[in-house]
Amino acid sequence: MSGRATRATSAVDRLKVRSGNAKYSMSRTGSGHFFLTEGPGLPPLCAPLELDDFVAFVNGISPGPPRRVSKLDIAFEKQLTKKAPPK
């Protein structure tokens, strides 16, 4: 499997976990474009897209997990805002 298909497959696998819908399916056209369906035999959810556009589309369907922020991250961001030059 090519690196292109692996990246697209990983995006669909993440979508399946985030959404809880294990029926999502990815297909690849002969021209190398990708499209997503909610299950075999169902109409596509998008037009055939290039790899980067397809991954962005899939990532936009269901939000990712919230970003974990530690106390150190918060303190560091406060220091950055204090030292920012005035505009």
PDB file of N, CA and C in Angstrom:
ATOM      1  N   MET A   1       0.854  -1.180   0.000  1.00  0.00           N
ATOM      2  CA  MET A   1       0.000   0.000   0.000  1.00  0.00           C
ATOM      3  C   MET A   1       0.893   1.233   0.000  1.00  0.00           C
ATOM      4  N   SER A   2       0.536   2.200  -0.780  1.00  0.00           N
ATOM      5  CA  SER A   2       1.359   3.403  -0.889  1.00  0.00           C
ATOM      6  C   SER A   2       1.196   4.280   0.349  1.00  0.00           C
ATOM      7  N   GLY A   3       2.132   5.201   0.520  1.00  0.00           N
ATOM      8  CA  GLY A   3       2.059   6.139   1.639  1.00  0.00           C
ATOM      9  C   GLY A   3       0.835   7.022   1.559  1.00  0.00           C
ATOM     10  N   ARG A   4       0.406   7.321   0.326  1.00  0.00           N
ATOM     11  CA  ARG A   4      -0.791   8.146   0.145  1.00  0.00           C
ATOM     12  C   ARG A   4      -2.008   7.438   0.717  1.00  0.00           C
ATOM     13  N   ALA A   5      -2.178   6.168   0.358  1.00  0.00           N
ATOM     14  CA  ALA A   5      -3.344   5.416   0.829  1.00  0.00           C
ATOM     15  C   ALA A   5      -3.271   5.206   2.339  1.00  0.00           C
ATOM     16  N   THR A   6      -2.067   5.016   2.871  1.00  0.00           N
ATOM     17  CA  THR A   6      -1.918   4.819   4.308  1.00  0.00           C
ATOM     18  C   THR A   6      -2.341   6.070   5.067  1.00  0.00           C
ATOM     19  N   ARG A   7      -1.976   7.234   4.580  1.00  0.00           N
ATOM     20  CA  ARG A   7      -2.360   8.487   5.247  1.00  0.00           C
ATOM     21  C   ARG A   7      -3.875   8.675   5.212  1.00  0.00           C
ATOM     22  N   ALA A   8      -4.490   8.380   4.088  1.00  0.00           N
ATOM     23  CA  ALA A   8      -5.941   8.510   3.968  1.00  0.00           C
ATOM     24  C   ALA A   8      -6.647   7.478   4.847  1.00  0.00           C
ATOM     25  N   THR A   9      -6.137   6.253   4.860  1.00  0.00           N
ATOM     26  CA  THR A   9      -6.731   5.194   5.676  1.00  0.00           C
ATOM     27  C   THR A   9      -6.646   5.549   7.153  1.00  0.00           C
ATOM     28  N   SER A  10      -5.517   6.113   7.577  1.00  0.00           N
ATOM     29  CA  SER A  10      -5.366   6.518   8.975  1.00  0.00           C
ATOM     30  C   SER A  10      -6.380   7.591   9.348  1.00  0.00           C
ATOM     31  N   ALA A  11      -6.633   8.523   8.441  1.00  0.00           N
ATOM     32  CA  ALA A  11      -7.626   9.568   8.708  1.00  0.00           C
ATOM     33  C   ALA A  11      -9.012   8.959   8.874  1.00  0.00           C
ATOM     34  N   VAL A  12      -9.357   7.982   8.038  1.00  0.00           N
ATOM     35  CA  VAL A  12     -10.671   7.330   8.142  1.00  0.00           C
ATOM     36  C   VAL A  12     -10.746   6.518   9.430  1.00  0.00           C
ATOM     37  N   ASP A  13      -9.666   5.846   9.817  1.00  0.00           N
ATOM     38  CA  ASP A  13      -9.660   5.084  11.070  1.00  0.00           C
ATOM     39  C   ASP A  13      -9.865   6.000  12.273  1.00  0.00           C
ATOM     40  N   ARG A  14      -9.222   7.168  12.262  1.00  0.00           N
ATOM     41  CA  ARG A  14      -9.431   8.137  13.353  1.00  0.00           C
ATOM     42  C   ARG A  14     -10.882   8.602  13.384  1.00  0.00           C
ATOM     43  N   LEU A  15     -11.476   8.814  12.205  1.00  0.00           N
ATOM     44  CA  LEU A  15     -12.873   9.229  12.122  1.00  0.00           C
ATOM     45  C   LEU A  15     -13.786   8.157  12.712  1.00  0.00           C
ATOM     46  N   LYS A  16     -13.521   6.904  12.407  1.00  0.00           N
ATOM     47  CA  LYS A  16     -14.331   5.806  12.942  1.00  0.00           C
ATOM     48  C   LYS A  16     -14.302   5.799  14.465  1.00  0.00           C
ATOM     49  N   VAL A  17     -13.130   6.028  15.042  1.00  0.00           N
ATOM     50  CA  VAL A  17     -13.005   6.041  16.505  1.00  0.00           C
ATOM     51  C   VAL A  17     -13.723   7.248  17.096  1.00  0.00           C
ATOM     52  N   ARG A  18     -13.504   8.440  16.507  1.00  0.00           N
ATOM     53  CA  ARG A  18     -14.110   9.671  17.039  1.00  0.00           C
ATOM     54  C   ARG A  18     -15.626   9.657  16.944  1.00  0.00           C
ATOM     55  N   SER A  19     -16.152   9.144  15.824  1.00  0.00           N
ATOM     56  CA  SER A  19     -17.593   9.217  15.595  1.00  0.00           C
ATOM     57  C   SER A  19     -18.338   8.013  16.158  1.00  0.00           C
ATOM     58  N   GLY A  20     -17.639   6.908  16.347  1.00  0.00           N
ATOM     59  CA  GLY A  20     -18.299   5.687  16.808  1.00  0.00           C
ATOM     60  C   GLY A  20     -19.000   4.938  15.686  1.00  0.00           C
ATOM     61  N   ASN A  21     -18.832   5.375  14.446  1.00  0.00           N
ATOM     62  CA  ASN A  21     -19.450   4.731  13.285  1.00  0.00           C
ATOM     63  C   ASN A  21     -18.380   3.924  12.561  1.00  0.00           C
ATOM     64  N   ALA A  22     -18.390   2.611  12.739  1.00  0.00           N
ATOM     65  CA  ALA A  22     -17.377   1.750  12.134  1.00  0.00           C
ATOM     66  C   ALA A  22     -17.663   1.446  10.668  1.00  0.00           C
ATOM     67  N   LYS A  23     -18.762   1.976  10.126  1.00  0.00           N
ATOM     68  CA  LYS A  23     -19.137   1.675   8.742  1.00  0.00           C
ATOM     69  C   LYS A  23     -18.524   2.628   7.728  1.00  0.00           C
ATOM     70  N   TYR A  24     -17.863   3.701   8.183  1.00  0.00           N
ATOM     71  CA  TYR A  24     -17.235   4.621   7.233  1.00  0.00           C
ATOM     72  C   TYR A  24     -16.265   3.842   6.362  1.00  0.00           C
ATOM     73  N   SER A  25     -16.256   4.184   5.081  1.00  0.00           N
ATOM     74  CA  SER A  25     -15.424   3.475   4.123  1.00  0.00           C
ATOM     75  C   SER A  25     -14.810   4.470   3.148  1.00  0.00           C
ATOM     76  N   MET A  26     -13.552   4.223   2.778  1.00  0.00           N
ATOM     77  CA  MET A  26     -12.850   5.070   1.834  1.00  0.00           C
ATOM     78  C   MET A  26     -12.654   4.300   0.538  1.00  0.00           C
ATOM     79  N   SER A  27     -12.771   5.003  -0.573  1.00  0.00           N
ATOM     80  CA  SER A  27     -12.503   4.390  -1.874  1.00  0.00           C
ATOM     81  C   SER A  27     -11.537   5.284  -2.631  1.00  0.00           C
ATOM     82  N   ARG A  28     -10.809   4.659  -3.547  1.00  0.00           N
ATOM     83  CA  ARG A  28      -9.838   5.393  -4.358  1.00  0.00           C
ATOM     84  C   ARG A  28     -10.180   5.195  -5.821  1.00  0.00           C
ATOM     85  N   THR A  29     -10.216   6.290  -6.561  1.00  0.00           N
ATOM     86  CA  THR A  29     -10.522   6.215  -7.987  1.00  0.00           C
ATOM     87  C   THR A  29      -9.263   5.841  -8.768  1.00  0.00           C
ATOM     88  N   GLY A  30      -9.449   5.537 -10.024  1.00  0.00           N
ATOM     89  CA  GLY A  30      -8.319   5.198 -10.877  1.00  0.00           C
ATOM     90  C   GLY A  30      -7.358   6.349 -11.080  1.00  0.00           C
ATOM     91  N   SER A  31      -7.854   7.571 -10.932  1.00  0.00           N
ATOM     92  CA  SER A  31      -7.003   8.750 -11.101  1.00  0.00           C
ATOM     93  C   SER A  31      -6.282   9.135  -9.814  1.00  0.00           C
ATOM     94  N   GLY A  32      -6.460   8.354  -8.737  1.00  0.00           N
ATOM     95  CA  GLY A  32      -5.759   8.612  -7.487  1.00  0.00           C
ATOM     96  C   GLY A  32      -6.486   9.525  -6.522  1.00  0.00           C
ATOM     97  N   HIS A  33      -7.761   9.808  -6.779  1.00  0.00           N
ATOM     98  CA  HIS A  33      -8.559  10.632  -5.877  1.00  0.00           C
ATOM     99  C   HIS A  33      -9.270   9.728  -4.872  1.00  0.00           C
ATOM    100  N   PHE A  34      -9.645  10.307  -3.728  1.00  0.00           N
ATOM    101  CA  PHE A  34     -10.288   9.561  -2.655  1.00  0.00           C
ATOM    102  C   PHE A  34     -11.685  10.112  -2.406  1.00  0.00           C
ATOM    103  N   PHE A  35     -12.600   9.226  -1.966  1.00  0.00           N
ATOM    104  CA  PHE A  35     -13.902   9.687  -1.502  1.00  0.00           C
ATOM    105  C   PHE A  35     -14.370   8.802  -0.361  1.00  0.00           C
ATOM    106  N   LEU A  36     -15.297   9.330   0.430  1.00  0.00           N
ATOM    107  CA  LEU A  36     -15.758   8.693   1.659  1.00  0.00           C
ATOM    108  C   LEU A  36     -17.229   8.331   1.541  1.00  0.00           C
ATOM    109  N   THR A  37     -17.603   7.153   2.063  1.00  0.00           N
ATOM    110  CA  THR A  37     -19.009   6.762   2.152  1.00  0.00           C
ATOM    111  C   THR A  37     -19.295   6.306   3.574  1.00  0.00           C
ATOM    112  N   GLU A  38     -20.579   6.272   3.932  1.00  0.00           N
ATOM    113  CA  GLU A  38     -20.961   5.810   5.264  1.00  0.00           C
ATOM    114  C   GLU A  38     -21.141   4.301   5.316  1.00  0.00           C
ATOM    115  N   GLY A  39     -20.920   3.634   4.224  1.00  0.00           N
ATOM    116  CA  GLY A  39     -21.013   2.184   4.200  1.00  0.00           C
ATOM    117  C   GLY A  39     -21.006   1.680   2.776  1.00  0.00           C
ATOM    118  N   PRO A  40     -20.760   0.401   2.596  1.00  0.00           N
ATOM    119  CA  PRO A  40     -20.724  -0.166   1.247  1.00  0.00           C
ATOM    120  C   PRO A  40     -22.052   0.016   0.526  1.00  0.00           C
ATOM    121  N   GLY A  41     -22.000   0.448  -0.716  1.00  0.00           N
ATOM    122  CA  GLY A  41     -23.198   0.620  -1.521  1.00  0.00           C
ATOM    123  C   GLY A  41     -23.931   1.926  -1.315  1.00  0.00           C
ATOM    124  N   LEU A  42     -23.499   2.738  -0.367  1.00  0.00           N
ATOM    125  CA  LEU A  42     -24.146   4.032  -0.113  1.00  0.00           C
ATOM    126  C   LEU A  42     -23.479   5.111  -0.957  1.00  0.00           C
ATOM    127  N   PRO A  43     -24.201   6.197  -1.234  1.00  0.00           N
ATOM    128  CA  PRO A  43     -23.604   7.264  -2.060  1.00  0.00           C
ATOM    129  C   PRO A  43     -22.432   7.931  -1.334  1.00  0.00           C
ATOM    130  N   PRO A  44     -21.487   8.470  -2.104  1.00  0.00           N
ATOM    131  CA  PRO A  44     -20.334   9.134  -1.478  1.00  0.00           C
ATOM    132  C   PRO A  44     -20.746  10.403  -0.734  1.00  0.00           C
ATOM    133  N   LEU A  45     -20.008  10.708   0.331  1.00  0.00           N
ATOM    134  CA  LEU A  45     -20.265  11.906   1.128  1.00  0.00           C
ATOM    135  C   LEU A  45     -19.558  13.130   0.558  1.00  0.00           C
ATOM    136  N   CYS A  46     -18.650  12.908  -0.391  1.00  0.00           N
ATOM    137  CA  CYS A  46     -17.926  14.011  -1.009  1.00  0.00           C
ATOM    138  C   CYS A  46     -17.564  13.620  -2.433  1.00  0.00           C
ATOM    139  N   ALA A  47     -17.244  14.619  -3.209  1.00  0.00           N
ATOM    140  CA  ALA A  47     -16.727  14.355  -4.558  1.00  0.00           C
ATOM    141  C   ALA A  47     -15.319  13.782  -4.420  1.00  0.00           C
ATOM    142  N   PRO A  48     -14.815  13.091  -5.428  1.00  0.00           N
ATOM    143  CA  PRO A  48     -13.430  12.599  -5.355  1.00  0.00           C
ATOM    144  C   PRO A  48     -12.459  13.762  -5.125  1.00  0.00           C
ATOM    145  N   LEU A  49     -11.613  13.611  -4.104  1.00  0.00           N
ATOM    146  CA  LEU A  49     -10.709  14.687  -3.683  1.00  0.00           C
ATOM    147  C   LEU A  49      -9.259  14.233  -3.728  1.00  0.00           C
ATOM    148  N   GLU A  50      -8.353  15.212  -3.860  1.00  0.00           N
ATOM    149  CA  GLU A  50      -6.921  14.946  -3.721  1.00  0.00           C
ATOM    150  C   GLU A  50      -6.644  14.545  -2.272  1.00  0.00           C
ATOM    151  N   LEU A  51      -5.486  13.964  -2.011  1.00  0.00           N
ATOM    152  CA  LEU A  51      -5.162  13.435  -0.692  1.00  0.00           C
ATOM    153  C   LEU A  51      -5.297  14.486   0.417  1.00  0.00           C
ATOM    154  N   ASP A  52      -4.640  15.635   0.272  1.00  0.00           N
ATOM    155  CA  ASP A  52      -4.678  16.647   1.332  1.00  0.00           C
ATOM    156  C   ASP A  52      -6.097  17.153   1.571  1.00  0.00           C
ATOM    157  N   ASP A  53      -6.850  17.366   0.509  1.00  0.00           N
ATOM    158  CA  ASP A  53      -8.233  17.821   0.642  1.00  0.00           C
ATOM    159  C   ASP A  53      -9.096  16.749   1.298  1.00  0.00           C
ATOM    160  N   PHE A  54      -8.854  15.482   0.943  1.00  0.00           N
ATOM    161  CA  PHE A  54      -9.619  14.380   1.525  1.00  0.00           C
ATOM    162  C   PHE A  54      -9.361  14.270   3.025  1.00  0.00           C
ATOM    163  N   VAL A  55      -8.101  14.332   3.424  1.00  0.00           N
ATOM    164  CA  VAL A  55      -7.760  14.228   4.852  1.00  0.00           C
ATOM    165  C   VAL A  55      -8.375  15.398   5.617  1.00  0.00           C
ATOM    166  N   ALA A  56      -8.327  16.604   5.057  1.00  0.00           N
ATOM    167  CA  ALA A  56      -8.940  17.769   5.708  1.00  0.00           C
ATOM    168  C   ALA A  56     -10.450  17.583   5.826  1.00  0.00           C
ATOM    169  N   PHE A  57     -11.094  17.047   4.789  1.00  0.00           N
ATOM    170  CA  PHE A  57     -12.534  16.798   4.819  1.00  0.00           C
ATOM    171  C   PHE A  57     -12.884  15.791   5.916  1.00  0.00           C
ATOM    172  N   VAL A  58     -12.148  14.690   5.964  1.00  0.00           N
ATOM    173  CA  VAL A  58     -12.413  13.640   6.959  1.00  0.00           C
ATOM    174  C   VAL A  58     -12.185  14.173   8.366  1.00  0.00           C
ATOM    175  N   ASN A  59     -11.121  14.940   8.576  1.00  0.00           N
ATOM    176  CA  ASN A  59     -10.850  15.493   9.903  1.00  0.00           C
ATOM    177  C   ASN A  59     -11.904  16.511  10.323  1.00  0.00           C
ATOM    178  N   GLY A  60     -12.560  17.144   9.356  1.00  0.00           N
ATOM    179  CA  GLY A  60     -13.579  18.136   9.666  1.00  0.00           C
ATOM    180  C   GLY A  60     -14.945  17.555   9.993  1.00  0.00           C
ATOM    181  N   ILE A  61     -15.153  16.274   9.717  1.00  0.00           N
ATOM    182  CA  ILE A  61     -16.463  15.668   9.962  1.00  0.00           C
ATOM    183  C   ILE A  61     -16.759  15.556  11.449  1.00  0.00           C
ATOM    184  N   SER A  62     -15.812  15.082  12.203  1.00  0.00           N
ATOM    185  CA  SER A  62     -16.013  14.891  13.638  1.00  0.00           C
ATOM    186  C   SER A  62     -14.833  15.528  14.360  1.00  0.00           C
ATOM    187  N   PRO A  63     -15.084  16.355  15.365  1.00  0.00           N
ATOM    188  CA  PRO A  63     -13.967  17.020  16.034  1.00  0.00           C
ATOM    189  C   PRO A  63     -13.059  16.018  16.740  1.00  0.00           C
ATOM    190  N   GLY A  64     -11.799  16.375  16.787  1.00  0.00           N
ATOM    191  CA  GLY A  64     -10.817  15.536  17.461  1.00  0.00           C
ATOM    192  C   GLY A  64     -10.935  15.658  18.969  1.00  0.00           C
ATOM    193  N   PRO A  65     -10.143  14.886  19.675  1.00  0.00           N
ATOM    194  CA  PRO A  65     -10.181  14.970  21.132  1.00  0.00           C
ATOM    195  C   PRO A  65      -9.659  16.325  21.598  1.00  0.00           C
ATOM    196  N   PRO A  66     -10.118  16.790  22.755  1.00  0.00           N
ATOM    197  CA  PRO A  66      -9.643  18.079  23.244  1.00  0.00           C
ATOM    198  C   PRO A  66      -8.133  18.027  23.537  1.00  0.00           C
ATOM    199  N   ARG A  67      -7.489  19.141  23.326  1.00  0.00           N
ATOM    200  CA  ARG A  67      -6.046  19.216  23.554  1.00  0.00           C
ATOM    201  C   ARG A  67      -5.765  19.200  25.048  1.00  0.00           C
ATOM    202  N   ARG A  68      -4.850  18.352  25.464  1.00  0.00           N
ATOM    203  CA  ARG A  68      -4.484  18.282  26.880  1.00  0.00           C
ATOM    204  C   ARG A  68      -3.501  19.402  27.181  1.00  0.00           C
ATOM    205  N   VAL A  69      -3.786  20.126  28.242  1.00  0.00           N
ATOM    206  CA  VAL A  69      -2.939  21.249  28.625  1.00  0.00           C
ATOM    207  C   VAL A  69      -2.513  21.057  30.075  1.00  0.00           C
ATOM    208  N   SER A  70      -1.206  21.090  30.311  1.00  0.00           N
ATOM    209  CA  SER A  70      -0.700  20.932  31.671  1.00  0.00           C
ATOM    210  C   SER A  70      -0.537  22.302  32.327  1.00  0.00           C
ATOM    211  N   LYS A  71      -0.273  22.292  33.617  1.00  0.00           N
ATOM    212  CA  LYS A  71      -0.041  23.541  34.338  1.00  0.00           C
ATOM    213  C   LYS A  71       1.191  24.254  33.786  1.00  0.00           C
ATOM    214  N   LEU A  72       2.187  23.478  33.385  1.00  0.00           N
ATOM    215  CA  LEU A  72       3.396  24.074  32.834  1.00  0.00           C
ATOM    216  C   LEU A  72       3.110  24.768  31.500  1.00  0.00           C
ATOM    217  N   ASP A  73       2.244  24.165  30.681  1.00  0.00           N
ATOM    218  CA  ASP A  73       1.861  24.792  29.410  1.00  0.00           C
ATOM    219  C   ASP A  73       1.175  26.135  29.645  1.00  0.00           C
ATOM    220  N   ILE A  74       0.285  26.168  30.625  1.00  0.00           N
ATOM    221  CA  ILE A  74      -0.449  27.403  30.938  1.00  0.00           C
ATOM    222  C   ILE A  74       0.515  28.478  31.422  1.00  0.00           C
ATOM    223  N   ALA A  75       1.450  28.113  32.314  1.00  0.00           N
ATOM    224  CA  ALA A  75       2.424  29.070  32.823  1.00  0.00           C
ATOM    225  C   ALA A  75       3.314  29.588  31.695  1.00  0.00           C
ATOM    226  N   PHE A  76       3.717  28.714  30.792  1.00  0.00           N
ATOM    227  CA  PHE A  76       4.565  29.123  29.675  1.00  0.00           C
ATOM    228  C   PHE A  76       3.828  30.095  28.763  1.00  0.00           C
ATOM    229  N   GLU A  77       2.561  29.839  28.476  1.00  0.00           N
ATOM    230  CA  GLU A  77       1.784  30.739  27.629  1.00  0.00           C
ATOM    231  C   GLU A  77       1.608  32.106  28.285  1.00  0.00           C
ATOM    232  N   LYS A  78       1.465  32.123  29.620  1.00  0.00           N
ATOM    233  CA  LYS A  78       1.356  33.407  30.327  1.00  0.00           C
ATOM    234  C   LYS A  78       2.644  34.206  30.189  1.00  0.00           C
ATOM    235  N   GLN A  79       3.784  33.493  30.289  1.00  0.00           N
ATOM    236  CA  GLN A  79       5.065  34.185  30.147  1.00  0.00           C
ATOM    237  C   GLN A  79       5.221  34.748  28.734  1.00  0.00           C
ATOM    238  N   LEU A  80       4.761  34.018  27.746  1.00  0.00           N
ATOM    239  CA  LEU A  80       4.867  34.493  26.370  1.00  0.00           C
ATOM    240  C   LEU A  80       4.038  35.751  26.145  1.00  0.00           C
ATOM    241  N   THR A  81       2.847  35.793  26.725  1.00  0.00           N
ATOM    242  CA  THR A  81       1.998  36.964  26.525  1.00  0.00           C
ATOM    243  C   THR A  81       2.548  38.177  27.272  1.00  0.00           C
ATOM    244  N   LYS A  82       3.214  37.950  28.407  1.00  0.00           N
ATOM    245  CA  LYS A  82       3.795  39.068  29.150  1.00  0.00           C
ATOM    246  C   LYS A  82       4.971  39.683  28.408  1.00  0.00           C
ATOM    247  N   LYS A  83       5.748  38.847  27.702  1.00  0.00           N
ATOM    248  CA  LYS A  83       6.962  39.316  27.040  1.00  0.00           C
ATOM    249  C   LYS A  83       6.717  39.728  25.587  1.00  0.00           C
ATOM    250  N   ALA A  84       5.499  39.636  25.135  1.00  0.00           N
ATOM    251  CA  ALA A  84       5.222  40.018  23.752  1.00  0.00           C
ATOM    252  C   ALA A  84       5.435  41.507  23.577  1.00  0.00           C
ATOM    253  N   PRO A  85       6.102  41.913  22.488  1.00  0.00           N
ATOM    254  CA  PRO A  85       6.356  43.355  22.270  1.00  0.00           C
ATOM    255  C   PRO A  85       5.047  44.101  21.987  1.00  0.00           C
ATOM    256  N   PRO A  86       4.953  45.336  22.427  1.00  0.00           N
ATOM    257  CA  PRO A  86       3.726  46.096  22.168  1.00  0.00           C
ATOM    258  C   PRO A  86       3.614  46.417  20.685  1.00  0.00           C
ATOM    259  N   LYS A  87       2.383  46.529  20.258  1.00  0.00           N
ATOM    260  CA  LYS A  87       2.121  46.807  18.831  1.00  0.00           C
ATOM    261  C   LYS A  87       1.855  48.254  18.611  1.00  0.00           C
TER     262      LYS A  87
END
